[in-house]
Amino acid sequence: MNALHGKKIFDALETFRIELPSWGFANTGTRFGKFIQPAAATTTEEKFGDAGQVHLLTGVCPTVALHVLWDFPDGVDSADDIKKSSERYRVLPGSINPNLFQDQGYKYGSFGNPDPGIRQRAFQHTKESIEIARRLNSRDISMWFADGSNYPGTANIRQRKQWFKELLKESHGELSSGQRLLIEYKPFEPAFYHTDIADWGMAMLLARAAGPQAKVLVDTGHHYAAQNIEQIVAWLLSEEMLGGFHFNDRRYADDDLTMGSIDPYQVFRIFHEIRYFEWETGKPADIAYMIDQSHNLKGKIEAMIQTVTVAQELFSKAALVDGRELAVAQTKCDLIRAESLLQDAFATDVRPAIQEWRDSKGLPKNPMEAFRQSGYLEGITKERAARNLRSVSSYA
């Protein structure tokens, strides 16, 4: 790796930021039960504290995504408590995530529910979430819906689509000028016959119907096996509709595994499409990167640090692809040369350059080792163990 490569990596890392999910620090469950970790966060303040540790060691995670209901027990009135935690632990509130799937009233859907009272209730919750975001100076409101049906003939698919269009447009009308509505999609689960927003095309059509401040949110786990996610990314970029990412990895479907643990080359290819778009257009892509993973077995904080460092490595590798040389190879249909440009970049060991970047920022060269030596984990384990044991529950 030469000096030019080092500069490309340095410049890429200067702009790369990743949001941490508050729920990723708490005890989360599988469909069958919950595996308790004694060091897991038991309050929103503790989530901020753990996120602050990750940011302190990596320097690239300045915001925390928050879930309404989970992190705002008193709704809008909880915003002041969030501000205090933010100031104390030096990480800012990030995207606000409405909860339109947990309440019993959403058994048959939220925005797509046949009951107009439930649809209005879902809209009011979204409206409140937008107000929370406004009070916390949060730009993005991330919309994920569990709406769908499990059996043929049990739902009017076209009518539900119309309800979604109407309510998303109303929600868009509540946004301030700097806010965005990010619409996520998922092919299945918990709806196993049809899901109301099942793929990127549906999400894009609904975002366009909602208004110009609505974009598509891509979760890398929300795709069928072997689906070409980087092609989806390329299309959304060309349509100026890509608003954000939820990063995780999967072996089968939405497995919530740590990023790059199964297919790091896929994540590299996604980053490459973004970098190539930026080279072609000469402007940065306005994309919010966020981790969305359920760490049931790995330590919560360690899994976050691992994900962030892997993301930095893959993003740095993508920065090494020479856009000009690739464009020439593509024009000449030089298949071997074009593919080799990606393969060579992916094979490059970028860790020394990343360590130099960290050193220039006064950050530890090895964030994971620094965390393990800090004593933080031992401290929170002792402090939280008893509370976590009392939170054992089962879904059976």
Protein backbone atom coordinates (compact mmCIF):
# COMPACT_ATOMS: atom_id res chain seq x y z
CA MET A 1 0.00 0.00 0.00
CA ASN A 2 1.48 3.33 -1.10
CA ALA A 3 1.13 6.89 0.21
CA LEU A 4 -1.77 7.63 -2.14
CA HIS A 5 -3.67 4.67 -0.74
CA GLY A 6 -2.98 5.89 2.77
CA LYS A 7 -4.38 9.32 1.92
CA LYS A 8 -7.50 7.80 0.36
CA ILE A 9 -8.12 5.80 3.52
CA PHE A 10 -7.47 8.80 5.76
CA ASP A 11 -9.89 10.97 3.76
CA ALA A 12 -12.55 8.25 3.77
CA LEU A 13 -12.35 7.76 7.53
CA GLU A 14 -12.63 11.49 8.13
CA THR A 15 -16.25 11.45 6.95
CA PHE A 16 -17.39 7.96 7.99
CA ARG A 17 -19.72 7.95 10.99
CA ILE A 18 -21.88 5.13 12.36
CA GLU A 19 -24.89 5.45 14.63
CA LEU A 20 -25.30 3.02 17.53
CA PRO A 21 -28.70 1.53 18.46
CA SER A 22 -29.80 1.99 22.06
CA TRP A 23 -31.52 -1.42 22.02
CA GLY A 24 -28.26 -3.09 21.02
CA PHE A 25 -26.95 -2.52 24.56
CA ALA A 26 -29.96 -4.04 26.34
CA ASN A 27 -31.04 -7.64 26.81
CA THR A 28 -32.89 -8.78 23.71
CA GLY A 29 -34.51 -12.10 22.92
CA THR A 30 -35.04 -14.69 20.27
CA ARG A 31 -38.52 -15.92 19.40
CA PHE A 32 -38.20 -18.49 22.16
CA GLY A 33 -36.65 -16.68 25.06
CA LYS A 34 -34.16 -14.16 26.33
CA PHE A 35 -30.55 -14.85 27.24
CA ILE A 36 -29.55 -12.47 30.02
CA GLN A 37 -26.16 -10.77 30.10
CA PRO A 38 -25.20 -9.41 33.52
CA ALA A 39 -23.57 -6.32 31.97
CA ALA A 40 -26.48 -5.38 29.70
CA ALA A 41 -27.94 -1.90 30.05
CA THR A 42 -31.13 -1.78 32.12
CA THR A 43 -32.01 1.90 31.60
CA THR A 44 -31.77 4.40 28.78
CA GLU A 45 -29.11 6.28 30.71
CA GLU A 46 -27.01 3.11 30.89
CA LYS A 47 -27.45 2.68 27.13
CA PHE A 48 -26.05 6.17 26.65
CA GLY A 49 -23.17 5.33 28.97
CA ASP A 50 -22.27 2.21 26.99
CA ALA A 51 -22.61 4.04 23.68
CA GLY A 52 -20.36 6.74 25.06
CA GLN A 53 -17.68 4.12 25.72
CA VAL A 54 -17.84 2.86 22.14
CA HIS A 55 -17.55 6.41 20.81
CA LEU A 56 -14.72 7.23 23.21
CA LEU A 57 -12.68 4.30 21.90
CA THR A 58 -13.56 4.50 18.19
CA GLY A 59 -14.23 8.20 17.66
CA VAL A 60 -16.82 7.55 14.94
CA CYS A 61 -20.10 6.89 16.79
CA PRO A 62 -21.35 10.29 17.96
CA THR A 63 -25.09 9.47 17.92
CA VAL A 64 -27.47 6.93 19.44
CA ALA A 65 -30.64 5.74 17.71
CA LEU A 66 -33.60 5.74 20.10
CA HIS A 67 -36.81 3.75 20.19
CA VAL A 68 -39.98 5.47 21.27
CA LEU A 69 -41.64 3.55 24.16
CA TRP A 70 -38.43 1.65 24.96
CA ASP A 71 -36.45 4.86 25.54
CA PHE A 72 -39.29 7.36 26.04
CA PRO A 73 -41.58 5.88 28.71
CA ASP A 74 -43.30 9.25 29.09
CA GLY A 75 -43.34 10.08 25.40
CA VAL A 76 -42.39 13.66 24.58
CA ASP A 77 -41.93 14.42 28.28
CA SER A 78 -38.94 12.04 28.34
CA ALA A 79 -37.00 14.28 25.95
CA ASP A 80 -35.45 16.28 28.81
CA ASP A 81 -34.07 13.10 30.41
CA ILE A 82 -32.57 12.10 27.06
CA LYS A 83 -30.88 15.49 26.80
CA LYS A 84 -29.32 15.05 30.24
CA SER A 85 -27.97 11.61 29.38
CA SER A 86 -26.66 12.95 26.09
CA GLU A 87 -24.76 15.74 27.80
CA ARG A 88 -23.39 13.47 30.49
CA TYR A 89 -22.03 10.79 28.16
CA ARG A 90 -21.17 13.04 25.19
CA VAL A 91 -23.17 11.24 22.54
CA LEU A 92 -26.09 12.89 20.77
CA PRO A 93 -29.61 11.58 20.15
CA GLY A 94 -29.77 10.11 16.67
CA SER A 95 -32.63 8.71 14.62
CA ILE A 96 -35.99 8.33 16.33
CA ASN A 97 -37.73 5.00 15.80
CA PRO A 98 -41.51 4.85 16.35
CA ASN A 99 -42.85 1.61 17.80
CA LEU A 100 -45.69 0.48 15.53
CA PHE A 101 -45.49 -3.25 16.17
CA GLN A 102 -45.40 -4.02 19.89
CA ASP A 103 -48.79 -2.88 21.16
CA GLN A 104 -51.65 -5.41 21.17
CA GLY A 105 -53.69 -3.02 19.06
CA TYR A 106 -51.33 -3.63 16.14
CA LYS A 107 -52.16 -7.32 15.92
CA TYR A 108 -53.64 -6.77 12.45
CA GLY A 109 -51.39 -3.90 11.47
CA SER A 110 -50.80 -0.21 12.16
CA PHE A 111 -50.98 2.03 9.09
CA GLY A 112 -52.56 -0.90 7.23
CA ASN A 113 -55.02 -1.92 9.94
CA PRO A 114 -58.67 -2.23 8.78
CA ASP A 115 -59.76 -0.42 11.97
CA PRO A 116 -59.64 3.36 11.35
CA GLY A 117 -59.21 3.94 15.07
CA ILE A 118 -56.02 1.86 15.13
CA ARG A 119 -54.71 3.62 12.02
CA GLN A 120 -55.30 6.99 13.67
CA ARG A 121 -53.60 5.77 16.83
CA ALA A 122 -50.56 4.72 14.79
CA PHE A 123 -50.47 8.11 13.09
CA GLN A 124 -50.66 9.95 16.41
CA HIS A 125 -47.74 7.89 17.70
CA THR A 126 -45.78 8.79 14.57
CA LYS A 127 -46.69 12.44 15.01
CA GLU A 128 -45.46 12.31 18.60
CA SER A 129 -42.23 10.63 17.44
CA ILE A 130 -41.64 13.46 14.98
CA GLU A 131 -42.15 15.97 17.79
CA ILE A 132 -39.65 14.07 19.95
CA ALA A 133 -37.15 14.24 17.10
CA ARG A 134 -37.78 17.97 16.74
CA ARG A 135 -37.10 18.62 20.44
CA LEU A 136 -33.89 16.61 20.31
CA ASN A 137 -32.69 18.12 17.01
CA SER A 138 -32.80 14.66 15.43
CA ARG A 139 -33.03 14.64 11.67
CA ASP A 140 -34.31 11.16 10.86
CA ILE A 141 -37.49 9.35 11.84
CA SER A 142 -37.09 5.69 10.87
CA MET A 143 -40.30 3.89 9.97
CA TRP A 144 -40.45 0.10 10.11
CA PHE A 145 -43.77 -1.69 9.92
CA ALA A 146 -44.65 -5.26 10.85
CA ASP A 147 -47.88 -4.90 8.86
CA GLY A 148 -48.99 -7.74 6.62
CA SER A 149 -50.99 -10.95 6.66
CA ASN A 150 -50.34 -14.64 7.20
CA TYR A 151 -53.03 -16.23 5.01
CA PRO A 152 -54.31 -15.71 1.45
CA GLY A 153 -57.49 -13.74 1.13
CA THR A 154 -57.40 -12.32 4.66
CA ALA A 155 -56.31 -8.78 3.72
CA ASN A 156 -57.13 -6.31 0.96
CA ILE A 157 -53.59 -5.67 -0.27
CA ARG A 158 -54.50 -2.75 -2.55
CA GLN A 159 -56.57 -1.01 0.10
CA ARG A 160 -53.80 -1.37 2.67
CA LYS A 161 -51.38 0.18 0.16
CA GLN A 162 -53.69 3.18 -0.13
CA TRP A 163 -53.89 3.59 3.65
CA PHE A 164 -50.10 3.55 3.82
CA LYS A 165 -49.84 6.23 1.14
CA GLU A 166 -52.32 8.46 2.94
CA LEU A 167 -50.78 8.14 6.40
CA LEU A 168 -47.19 8.45 5.23
CA LYS A 169 -48.14 11.61 3.38
CA GLU A 170 -49.79 12.96 6.54
CA SER A 171 -46.70 12.03 8.55
CA HIS A 172 -44.50 13.79 6.00
CA GLY A 173 -46.61 16.90 6.50
CA GLU A 174 -45.61 16.96 10.17
CA LEU A 175 -41.86 17.16 9.40
CA SER A 176 -39.79 20.25 9.96
CA SER A 177 -37.73 21.49 7.03
CA GLY A 178 -34.56 19.65 8.05
CA GLN A 179 -36.15 16.35 9.01
CA ARG A 180 -36.42 13.17 6.98
CA LEU A 181 -38.79 10.20 6.99
CA LEU A 182 -36.87 6.98 6.31
CA ILE A 183 -39.06 4.11 5.12
CA GLU A 184 -37.73 0.62 5.76
CA TYR A 185 -38.78 -2.61 4.07
CA LYS A 186 -38.70 -6.30 4.96
CA PRO A 187 -39.80 -9.28 2.82
CA PHE A 188 -41.32 -11.30 5.66
CA GLU A 189 -41.57 -11.74 9.44
CA PRO A 190 -43.80 -11.45 11.30
CA ALA A 191 -46.11 -11.42 8.26
CA PHE A 192 -45.53 -14.63 6.32
CA TYR A 193 -48.02 -14.42 3.44
CA HIS A 194 -47.68 -10.78 2.44
CA THR A 195 -45.85 -7.84 4.00
CA ASP A 196 -47.18 -4.38 3.20
CA ILE A 197 -43.71 -2.93 2.51
CA ALA A 198 -41.84 -6.00 1.31
CA ASP A 199 -39.05 -4.62 -0.88
CA TRP A 200 -37.13 -1.54 -1.96
CA GLY A 201 -39.48 -0.78 -4.85
CA MET A 202 -42.51 -0.65 -2.59
CA ALA A 203 -40.62 1.50 -0.10
CA MET A 204 -39.49 3.86 -2.85
CA LEU A 205 -42.99 4.25 -4.29
CA LEU A 206 -44.40 5.01 -0.85
CA ALA A 207 -41.56 7.44 -0.08
CA ARG A 208 -42.24 9.34 -3.29
CA ALA A 209 -45.94 9.42 -2.50
CA ALA A 210 -45.16 10.74 0.98
CA GLY A 211 -43.08 13.70 -0.18
CA PRO A 212 -39.57 14.96 -1.00
CA GLN A 213 -38.25 14.53 2.55
CA ALA A 214 -38.97 10.79 2.53
CA LYS A 215 -36.24 8.32 1.56
CA VAL A 216 -35.67 4.57 1.64
CA LEU A 217 -33.90 2.83 4.52
CA VAL A 218 -32.01 -0.36 3.61
CA ASP A 219 -31.43 -3.02 6.27
CA THR A 220 -28.81 -5.46 4.96
CA GLY A 221 -30.56 -8.32 6.79
CA HIS A 222 -33.93 -7.64 5.16
CA HIS A 223 -33.35 -9.51 1.93
CA TYR A 224 -33.69 -12.99 0.54
CA ALA A 225 -30.60 -15.17 0.44
CA ALA A 226 -28.31 -14.37 -2.51
CA GLN A 227 -30.18 -11.14 -3.33
CA ASN A 228 -27.96 -8.52 -4.98
CA ILE A 229 -28.16 -5.78 -2.37
CA GLU A 230 -25.52 -3.61 -4.02
CA GLN A 231 -27.67 -3.43 -7.16
CA ILE A 232 -30.54 -2.16 -5.02
CA VAL A 233 -28.15 0.40 -3.54
CA ALA A 234 -27.03 1.49 -7.01
CA TRP A 235 -30.62 1.96 -8.20
CA LEU A 236 -31.65 3.90 -5.11
CA LEU A 237 -28.59 6.13 -5.45
CA SER A 238 -29.38 6.84 -9.08
CA GLU A 239 -32.94 7.76 -8.11
CA GLU A 240 -31.69 9.91 -5.19
CA MET A 241 -33.82 7.85 -2.83
CA LEU A 242 -31.27 6.16 -0.56
CA GLY A 243 -31.52 7.69 2.90
CA GLY A 244 -29.91 5.27 5.29
CA PHE A 245 -28.58 1.84 6.22
CA HIS A 246 -29.15 -0.54 9.08
CA PHE A 247 -26.07 -2.73 9.18
CA ASN A 248 -26.01 -6.36 10.26
CA ASP A 249 -25.32 -9.71 8.60
CA ARG A 250 -27.31 -12.85 7.96
CA ARG A 251 -26.80 -16.48 7.06
CA TYR A 252 -30.43 -17.20 6.22
CA ALA A 253 -32.68 -14.18 6.62
CA ASP A 254 -32.87 -11.43 9.25
CA ASP A 255 -30.40 -13.11 11.60
CA ASP A 256 -29.07 -9.90 13.21
CA LEU A 257 -25.48 -11.12 13.13
CA THR A 258 -22.53 -8.77 13.49
CA MET A 259 -21.64 -6.92 10.32
CA GLY A 260 -19.29 -8.79 7.99
CA SER A 261 -19.36 -11.98 10.07
CA ILE A 262 -20.85 -14.00 7.19
CA ASP A 263 -20.16 -12.10 3.95
CA PRO A 264 -17.75 -9.17 4.32
CA TYR A 265 -17.30 -9.00 0.54
CA GLN A 266 -20.97 -8.11 0.16
CA VAL A 267 -20.59 -5.16 2.54
CA PHE A 268 -17.48 -4.11 0.62
CA ARG A 269 -19.44 -4.22 -2.65
CA ILE A 270 -22.17 -2.06 -1.11
CA PHE A 271 -19.62 0.50 0.05
CA HIS A 272 -17.99 0.36 -3.37
CA GLU A 273 -21.25 1.29 -5.12
CA ILE A 274 -21.62 4.27 -2.80
CA ARG A 275 -18.03 5.40 -3.32
CA TYR A 276 -18.30 4.92 -7.10
CA PHE A 277 -21.48 7.00 -7.15
CA GLU A 278 -19.69 9.75 -5.23
CA TRP A 279 -16.76 9.67 -7.65
CA GLU A 280 -19.04 9.86 -10.71
CA THR A 281 -21.23 12.66 -9.36
CA GLY A 282 -18.55 14.58 -7.48
CA LYS A 283 -20.76 14.92 -4.40
CA PRO A 284 -21.10 12.97 -1.15
CA ALA A 285 -24.03 10.63 -0.76
CA ASP A 286 -26.26 11.79 2.11
CA ILE A 287 -26.61 8.42 3.83
CA ALA A 288 -27.16 7.73 7.53
CA TYR A 289 -25.22 4.61 8.58
CA MET A 290 -26.51 2.76 11.61
CA ILE A 291 -25.92 -0.57 13.31
CA ASP A 292 -29.03 -2.67 13.91
CA GLN A 293 -28.02 -5.95 15.52
CA SER A 294 -29.26 -8.21 18.30
CA HIS A 295 -26.31 -9.45 20.34
CA ASN A 296 -27.80 -12.36 22.25
CA LEU A 297 -24.54 -14.24 22.79
CA LYS A 298 -21.72 -11.78 22.15
CA GLY A 299 -20.99 -9.11 24.73
CA LYS A 300 -23.03 -6.02 23.87
CA ILE A 301 -20.27 -3.41 23.89
CA GLU A 302 -17.62 -5.71 22.43
CA ALA A 303 -19.94 -6.63 19.55
CA MET A 304 -20.49 -2.93 18.81
CA ILE A 305 -16.75 -2.21 18.81
CA GLN A 306 -16.14 -5.23 16.60
CA THR A 307 -18.81 -4.07 14.14
CA VAL A 308 -17.48 -0.52 14.00
CA THR A 309 -13.90 -1.63 13.35
CA VAL A 310 -14.99 -4.09 10.65
CA ALA A 311 -17.10 -1.36 9.02
CA GLN A 312 -14.10 0.98 8.99
CA GLU A 313 -11.96 -1.69 7.36
CA LEU A 314 -14.49 -2.48 4.63
CA PHE A 315 -15.20 1.21 3.98
CA SER A 316 -11.46 1.85 3.71
CA LYS A 317 -11.02 -1.01 1.26
CA ALA A 318 -13.79 0.40 -0.92
CA ALA A 319 -12.01 3.76 -0.93
CA LEU A 320 -9.02 2.13 -2.65
CA VAL A 321 -10.89 1.31 -5.87
CA ASP A 322 -9.73 3.72 -8.57
CA GLY A 323 -12.94 5.10 -10.06
CA ARG A 324 -11.31 6.45 -13.20
CA GLU A 325 -9.50 3.22 -13.97
CA LEU A 326 -12.65 1.21 -13.28
CA ALA A 327 -14.72 3.37 -15.60
CA VAL A 328 -12.20 2.82 -18.42
CA ALA A 329 -12.19 -0.94 -17.85
CA GLN A 330 -15.99 -1.03 -17.87
CA THR A 331 -16.17 0.99 -21.09
CA LYS A 332 -13.71 -1.37 -22.79
CA CYS A 333 -15.52 -4.41 -21.39
CA ASP A 334 -12.22 -5.48 -19.83
CA LEU A 335 -13.86 -7.89 -17.41
CA ILE A 336 -10.71 -9.21 -15.79
CA ARG A 337 -9.27 -5.75 -15.13
CA ALA A 338 -12.55 -4.36 -13.81
CA GLU A 339 -13.14 -7.24 -11.42
CA SER A 340 -9.50 -7.27 -10.32
CA LEU A 341 -9.73 -3.64 -9.23
CA LEU A 342 -12.37 -4.67 -6.70
CA GLN A 343 -10.63 -7.90 -5.67
CA ASP A 344 -7.28 -6.20 -5.15
CA ALA A 345 -8.83 -3.47 -3.02
CA PHE A 346 -10.67 -6.04 -0.92
CA ALA A 347 -7.49 -8.08 -0.42
CA THR A 348 -5.51 -5.06 0.83
CA ASP A 349 -4.65 -5.02 4.53
CA VAL A 350 -5.88 -1.57 5.52
CA ARG A 351 -5.47 -2.02 9.28
CA PRO A 352 -2.08 -0.27 9.54
CA ALA A 353 -3.49 2.82 7.78
CA ILE A 354 -6.55 2.80 10.04
CA GLN A 355 -4.30 2.57 13.09
CA GLU A 356 -2.35 5.59 11.85
CA TRP A 357 -5.61 7.50 11.45
CA ARG A 358 -6.65 6.57 15.00
CA ASP A 359 -3.27 7.62 16.32
CA SER A 360 -3.65 11.02 14.65
CA LYS A 361 -6.93 11.47 16.54
CA GLY A 362 -5.56 10.40 19.90
CA LEU A 363 -7.61 7.20 19.78
CA PRO A 364 -6.36 3.74 20.82
CA LYS A 365 -4.92 1.81 17.89
CA ASN A 366 -6.84 -1.27 19.01
CA PRO A 367 -10.25 -0.22 20.42
CA MET A 368 -11.21 -3.74 21.46
CA GLU A 369 -8.05 -4.30 23.45
CA ALA A 370 -8.36 -0.85 25.01
CA PHE A 371 -11.90 -1.67 26.12
CA ARG A 372 -10.87 -5.00 27.62
CA GLN A 373 -8.09 -3.32 29.56
CA SER A 374 -10.24 -0.41 30.74
CA GLY A 375 -12.11 -2.22 33.53
CA TYR A 376 -15.40 -0.74 32.31
CA LEU A 377 -16.99 -4.14 31.67
CA GLU A 378 -16.12 -5.42 35.12
CA GLY A 379 -17.56 -2.28 36.68
CA ILE A 380 -20.92 -2.38 34.93
CA THR A 381 -21.21 -6.15 35.43
CA LYS A 382 -20.91 -5.71 39.18
CA GLU A 383 -23.32 -2.80 39.14
CA ARG A 384 -26.03 -4.30 36.91
CA ALA A 385 -25.91 -8.07 37.46
CA ALA A 386 -28.63 -8.24 40.10
CA ARG A 387 -31.01 -6.02 38.11
CA ASN A 388 -30.49 -8.10 34.98
CA LEU A 389 -31.24 -11.36 36.79
CA ARG A 390 -34.59 -9.94 37.84
CA SER A 391 -35.48 -9.25 34.18
CA VAL A 392 -35.43 -12.89 33.04
CA SER A 393 -38.46 -13.66 30.88
CA SER A 394 -39.63 -16.20 28.37
CA TYR A 395 -41.69 -15.93 25.23
CA ALA A 396 -43.11 -19.44 25.69
